[in-house]
Amino acid sequence: MDNGREERNIVMFPFMALARLLERKEGYIVTIVNTPLNIQRLGPSLPSKTNIRLAEIPFHGTNYGLQPGVENTRTLTAELTCCMLEDSENLESPFKSLLINITEQDSRVPEFLLPDFPEASKIQQSQLENDFRLTDSTNALWLFRTRRFSHCFCSDAILLNTMEGLRDIGVKHFRRKMGGKPVWMIGPACSSMKNDAYNQEERSEKRSSKTDSCCERLDLNPPASVLYVSFGSHNTILPSQMMELALSLEASNKAFIWVIRPPFGFSSTEDFRAE
């Protein structure tokens, strides 16, 4: 904050002249991103008082046939320039990590929209699972999910473990992506049945016991008076978010059932801390 006004951070890679123009506008911090040797050359050109920051990301040109100390195209042949362009693709991951670090340091989340999902509101980075926030498009799990979804939309129909009224906007999105093919809601699916073979196993008996306990608690309350909180069988939240949610549920003075999974950073077998 500067004189009570919020400063916006513009991250540039790597046009210096435009950065100087933006710096003249009040309320902006400009971060110039480049490789180490280029940052060394840029540093002396900055005025003594400036809102321009310099940030380095690693460059390993020797892996692609470049000589040590070569980090720009000024003295390169056309052939070696192609090598540098090829190596520049490897800057994606460290550049993304740098953006995450800048965001965390500034205590602000850059919001973004989903181009093919206009009905959805803006998404914040903190809402994404760790494997999306902290990895890039070369990550094995990222690639697996991409392949899975591409095959999903090529199928003859999709079954969704939800109901229309619960995720109406998401269902509309899947129907549009399927191009008129069937999208069936079959959930929420649960294993509360007592007489099927699956529930005869010891593990399922314990689950059924917990279900019975919840049902008994629900029966003690008037209809439509109990809050149900769950993030699904695979998702969880940050410890700080879990604490805020707990305080909010307590402050609501409403009866609730909360399906809790360990927060980020905790093992599924680890005991909850005292707080």
Protein backbone atom coordinates (compact mmCIF):
# COMPACT_ATOMS: atom_id res chain seq x y z
CA MET A 1 0.00 0.00 0.00
CA ASP A 2 1.24 3.51 -0.87
CA ASN A 3 -0.54 6.51 0.69
CA GLY A 4 -3.57 4.33 1.30
CA ARG A 5 -3.73 3.11 -2.31
CA GLU A 6 -3.11 -0.41 -3.50
CA GLU A 7 -0.04 -0.95 -5.70
CA ARG A 8 -0.47 -3.31 -8.64
CA ASN A 9 2.39 -5.55 -9.67
CA ILE A 10 2.94 -5.95 -13.41
CA VAL A 11 5.26 -8.84 -14.30
CA MET A 12 7.03 -8.46 -17.64
CA PHE A 13 9.22 -10.81 -19.60
CA PRO A 14 11.36 -9.09 -20.93
CA PHE A 15 10.57 -5.70 -22.62
CA MET A 16 12.43 -2.94 -20.78
CA ALA A 17 11.22 0.15 -22.66
CA LEU A 18 7.55 -0.58 -21.99
CA ALA A 19 8.36 -1.17 -18.33
CA ARG A 20 9.77 2.35 -17.99
CA LEU A 21 6.54 3.76 -19.45
CA LEU A 22 4.37 1.79 -17.05
CA GLU A 23 6.51 2.84 -14.12
CA ARG A 24 5.51 6.45 -14.70
CA LYS A 25 1.90 5.59 -13.88
CA GLU A 26 1.14 5.86 -10.18
CA GLY A 27 0.29 2.77 -8.20
CA TYR A 28 2.31 0.24 -10.22
CA ILE A 29 5.28 -1.97 -9.41
CA VAL A 30 6.91 -3.48 -12.49
CA THR A 31 8.83 -6.75 -12.18
CA ILE A 32 11.23 -7.52 -15.02
CA VAL A 33 11.92 -11.23 -15.40
CA ASN A 34 14.95 -12.54 -17.23
CA THR A 35 17.88 -14.92 -17.03
CA PRO A 36 20.81 -14.17 -14.65
CA LEU A 37 23.28 -12.61 -17.11
CA ASN A 38 20.60 -10.46 -18.73
CA ILE A 39 19.48 -9.25 -15.30
CA GLN A 40 23.09 -8.23 -14.57
CA ARG A 41 23.11 -6.12 -17.74
CA LEU A 42 19.72 -4.56 -17.00
CA GLY A 43 20.55 -3.56 -13.43
CA PRO A 44 22.90 -0.59 -14.19
CA SER A 45 20.37 0.92 -16.60
CA LEU A 46 17.79 1.49 -13.87
CA PRO A 47 17.54 4.88 -12.15
CA SER A 48 18.45 5.08 -8.46
CA LYS A 49 14.81 5.57 -7.46
CA THR A 50 12.53 3.22 -9.32
CA ASN A 51 9.51 0.97 -8.87
CA ILE A 52 11.03 -1.58 -11.25
CA ARG A 53 12.15 -4.86 -9.72
CA LEU A 54 14.44 -7.42 -11.33
CA ALA A 55 13.82 -11.16 -10.95
CA GLU A 56 15.96 -14.04 -12.19
CA ILE A 57 14.94 -17.43 -13.51
CA PRO A 58 17.54 -20.12 -14.36
CA PHE A 59 18.73 -20.74 -17.90
CA HIS A 60 20.69 -23.86 -18.93
CA GLY A 61 21.73 -23.14 -22.51
CA THR A 62 24.66 -25.58 -22.44
CA ASN A 63 22.14 -28.43 -22.44
CA TYR A 64 21.16 -27.32 -25.96
CA GLY A 65 24.58 -26.68 -27.48
CA LEU A 66 25.06 -23.06 -26.39
CA GLN A 67 28.34 -21.81 -24.97
CA PRO A 68 28.48 -20.88 -21.25
CA GLY A 69 27.52 -17.25 -20.70
CA VAL A 70 25.22 -17.04 -23.76
CA GLU A 71 21.74 -15.96 -22.72
CA ASN A 72 20.55 -13.77 -25.62
CA THR A 73 20.60 -13.85 -29.40
CA ARG A 74 22.86 -10.85 -29.96
CA THR A 75 25.90 -12.86 -31.14
CA LEU A 76 24.24 -16.08 -32.23
CA THR A 77 23.97 -17.63 -35.67
CA ALA A 78 20.56 -18.59 -37.00
CA GLU A 79 21.20 -22.23 -36.08
CA LEU A 80 22.15 -21.42 -32.49
CA THR A 81 19.22 -19.03 -32.21
CA CYS A 82 16.96 -22.02 -32.85
CA CYS A 83 18.73 -23.84 -29.99
CA MET A 84 18.01 -20.92 -27.69
CA LEU A 85 14.36 -20.84 -28.72
CA GLU A 86 14.11 -24.54 -28.00
CA ASP A 87 15.66 -24.05 -24.57
CA SER A 88 13.34 -21.13 -23.79
CA GLU A 89 10.42 -23.57 -23.51
CA ASN A 90 12.03 -24.86 -20.31
CA LEU A 91 11.54 -21.43 -18.73
CA GLU A 92 7.80 -22.07 -18.34
CA SER A 93 8.06 -23.98 -15.05
CA PRO A 94 10.43 -21.58 -13.20
CA PHE A 95 8.44 -18.60 -14.53
CA LYS A 96 5.23 -20.06 -13.13
CA SER A 97 6.92 -20.71 -9.77
CA LEU A 98 8.12 -17.10 -9.75
CA LEU A 99 4.57 -15.82 -10.32
CA ILE A 100 3.33 -17.94 -7.41
CA ASN A 101 6.06 -16.56 -5.15
CA ILE A 102 5.31 -12.96 -6.16
CA THR A 103 1.62 -13.54 -5.48
CA GLU A 104 2.31 -14.98 -2.03
CA GLN A 105 4.69 -12.14 -1.13
CA ASP A 106 2.15 -9.53 -2.21
CA SER A 107 -0.62 -11.36 -0.31
CA ARG A 108 -2.87 -11.17 -3.36
CA VAL A 109 -4.35 -13.90 -5.55
CA PRO A 110 -4.60 -13.29 -9.30
CA GLU A 111 -8.05 -14.31 -10.39
CA PHE A 112 -8.83 -15.84 -13.74
CA LEU A 113 -11.80 -16.93 -15.83
CA LEU A 114 -12.29 -20.26 -17.61
CA PRO A 115 -12.63 -19.44 -21.35
CA ASP A 116 -14.96 -22.37 -22.11
CA PHE A 117 -16.98 -22.02 -18.90
CA PRO A 118 -18.46 -18.48 -18.86
CA GLU A 119 -21.16 -19.39 -16.33
CA ALA A 120 -18.55 -19.95 -13.64
CA SER A 121 -17.38 -17.04 -11.53
CA LYS A 122 -13.76 -16.00 -11.30
CA ILE A 123 -11.46 -18.71 -9.98
CA GLN A 124 -8.79 -17.96 -7.40
CA GLN A 125 -5.49 -19.84 -7.26
CA SER A 126 -6.19 -20.81 -3.65
CA GLN A 127 -9.29 -22.71 -4.82
CA LEU A 128 -7.23 -25.06 -6.97
CA GLU A 129 -5.87 -28.36 -5.77
CA ASN A 130 -2.14 -28.48 -5.09
CA ASP A 131 -1.40 -30.57 -8.17
CA PHE A 132 -2.81 -27.73 -10.31
CA ARG A 133 -1.38 -24.79 -8.35
CA LEU A 134 2.13 -26.08 -7.83
CA THR A 135 2.83 -27.94 -11.08
CA ASP A 136 2.86 -27.14 -14.77
CA SER A 137 1.67 -28.74 -18.00
CA THR A 138 4.66 -31.13 -18.08
CA ASN A 139 3.67 -32.78 -14.77
CA ALA A 140 2.68 -36.46 -15.07
CA LEU A 141 -0.58 -36.06 -13.14
CA TRP A 142 -1.49 -32.95 -15.16
CA LEU A 143 -0.92 -34.86 -18.43
CA PHE A 144 -2.93 -37.83 -17.14
CA ARG A 145 -5.90 -35.62 -16.30
CA THR A 146 -5.70 -33.91 -19.69
CA ARG A 147 -5.81 -37.27 -21.48
CA ARG A 148 -8.62 -38.50 -19.26
CA PHE A 149 -10.85 -35.49 -19.90
CA SER A 150 -10.19 -35.55 -23.65
CA HIS A 151 -11.31 -39.21 -23.76
CA CYS A 152 -14.26 -38.43 -21.51
CA PHE A 153 -15.75 -35.95 -23.97
CA CYS A 154 -15.31 -38.42 -26.82
CA SER A 155 -17.48 -41.03 -25.09
CA ASP A 156 -21.14 -41.73 -25.90
CA ALA A 157 -22.40 -40.47 -22.52
CA ILE A 158 -21.21 -39.25 -19.11
CA LEU A 159 -22.33 -40.32 -15.65
CA LEU A 160 -21.93 -37.67 -12.96
CA ASN A 161 -21.98 -38.50 -9.25
CA THR A 162 -24.19 -35.52 -8.42
CA MET A 163 -27.72 -34.19 -8.83
CA GLU A 164 -29.11 -31.42 -11.04
CA GLY A 165 -30.06 -29.03 -8.25
CA LEU A 166 -26.72 -29.41 -6.47
CA ARG A 167 -24.42 -28.51 -9.36
CA ASP A 168 -26.70 -27.02 -11.98
CA ILE A 169 -24.04 -24.79 -13.60
CA GLY A 170 -21.49 -27.61 -13.82
CA VAL A 171 -24.02 -29.97 -15.38
CA LYS A 172 -24.84 -27.39 -18.06
CA HIS A 173 -21.12 -27.10 -18.83
CA PHE A 174 -20.73 -30.86 -19.33
CA ARG A 175 -23.84 -30.99 -21.51
CA ARG A 176 -22.45 -28.26 -23.74
CA LYS A 177 -19.05 -29.94 -23.97
CA MET A 178 -20.72 -33.23 -24.89
CA GLY A 179 -22.44 -31.61 -27.87
CA GLY A 180 -25.88 -33.05 -27.20
CA LYS A 181 -24.77 -36.49 -25.99
CA PRO A 182 -26.42 -37.78 -22.79
CA VAL A 183 -25.23 -36.52 -19.40
CA TRP A 184 -26.85 -38.48 -16.56
CA MET A 185 -26.82 -37.55 -12.86
CA ILE A 186 -26.69 -40.69 -10.72
CA GLY A 187 -25.79 -39.32 -7.29
CA PRO A 188 -24.84 -38.50 -4.77
CA ALA A 189 -24.05 -42.22 -4.61
CA CYS A 190 -23.49 -43.70 -1.17
CA SER A 191 -23.08 -47.07 0.51
CA SER A 192 -25.72 -46.76 3.20
CA MET A 193 -27.50 -49.96 2.19
CA LYS A 194 -27.14 -52.58 4.91
CA ASN A 195 -27.99 -55.79 3.11
CA ASP A 196 -25.69 -55.82 0.09
CA ALA A 197 -22.59 -58.03 0.06
CA TYR A 198 -20.21 -55.10 0.18
CA ASN A 199 -21.46 -54.00 3.58
CA GLN A 200 -20.83 -57.42 5.10
CA GLU A 201 -17.10 -56.68 5.21
CA GLU A 202 -15.63 -55.35 8.45
CA ARG A 203 -14.56 -52.02 6.96
CA SER A 204 -18.00 -51.43 5.49
CA GLU A 205 -19.66 -52.32 8.78
CA LYS A 206 -17.72 -49.51 10.46
CA ARG A 207 -18.79 -47.11 7.72
CA SER A 208 -22.40 -48.23 8.10
CA SER A 209 -22.17 -47.64 11.85
CA LYS A 210 -21.06 -44.06 11.26
CA THR A 211 -23.90 -43.60 8.79
CA ASP A 212 -26.40 -44.89 11.35
CA SER A 213 -25.04 -42.44 13.93
CA CYS A 214 -25.51 -39.53 11.51
CA CYS A 215 -29.02 -40.66 10.64
CA GLU A 216 -29.92 -40.87 14.32
CA ARG A 217 -28.63 -37.35 14.85
CA LEU A 218 -30.65 -36.10 11.87
CA ASP A 219 -33.81 -37.71 13.23
CA LEU A 220 -33.49 -35.58 16.38
CA ASN A 221 -33.75 -32.35 14.37
CA PRO A 222 -36.65 -30.80 12.42
CA PRO A 223 -36.67 -31.26 8.62
CA ALA A 224 -34.38 -28.96 6.61
CA SER A 225 -32.66 -27.64 9.75
CA VAL A 226 -29.22 -29.32 9.57
CA LEU A 227 -26.26 -28.03 7.54
CA TYR A 228 -24.29 -30.63 5.59
CA VAL A 229 -20.67 -29.76 4.77
CA SER A 230 -18.46 -31.89 2.51
CA PHE A 231 -15.79 -31.25 -0.12
CA GLY A 232 -16.07 -34.69 -1.67
CA SER A 233 -14.08 -37.88 -1.25
CA HIS A 234 -10.85 -36.54 -2.79
CA ASN A 235 -10.77 -32.84 -1.95
CA THR A 236 -9.73 -30.95 1.16
CA ILE A 237 -8.82 -27.43 2.27
CA LEU A 238 -5.98 -25.59 3.98
CA PRO A 239 -5.65 -25.82 7.79
CA SER A 240 -6.37 -22.08 8.08
CA GLN A 241 -9.51 -22.49 5.96
CA MET A 242 -10.62 -25.42 8.09
CA MET A 243 -10.28 -23.31 11.24
CA GLU A 244 -12.30 -20.45 9.71
CA LEU A 245 -15.00 -22.85 8.55
CA ALA A 246 -15.19 -24.41 12.02
CA LEU A 247 -15.59 -20.99 13.64
CA SER A 248 -18.26 -20.02 11.11
CA LEU A 249 -20.24 -23.21 11.69
CA GLU A 250 -20.07 -22.67 15.43
CA ALA A 251 -21.17 -19.03 15.08
CA SER A 252 -24.16 -20.04 12.92
CA ASN A 253 -25.81 -21.75 15.92
CA LYS A 254 -27.17 -24.34 13.50
CA ALA A 255 -26.92 -28.10 13.80
CA PHE A 256 -24.47 -29.47 11.24
CA ILE A 257 -22.79 -32.60 9.98
CA TRP A 258 -19.30 -31.99 8.61
CA VAL A 259 -17.47 -34.71 6.68
CA ILE A 260 -13.85 -33.93 7.49
CA ARG A 261 -10.78 -35.03 5.57
CA PRO A 262 -7.29 -34.07 6.84
CA PRO A 263 -6.29 -30.63 5.54
CA PHE A 264 -3.39 -30.02 3.15
CA GLY A 265 -0.11 -31.06 4.74
CA PHE A 266 -1.64 -33.76 6.95
CA SER A 267 -1.57 -37.50 6.39
CA SER A 268 -4.86 -39.41 6.30
CA THR A 269 -3.58 -41.52 9.23
CA GLU A 270 -2.38 -38.57 11.31
CA ASP A 271 -4.31 -37.46 14.39
CA PHE A 272 -5.85 -34.00 14.37
CA ARG A 273 -4.02 -31.41 16.41
CA ALA A 274 -5.56 -30.06 19.59
CA GLU A 275 -6.79 -26.86 17.97
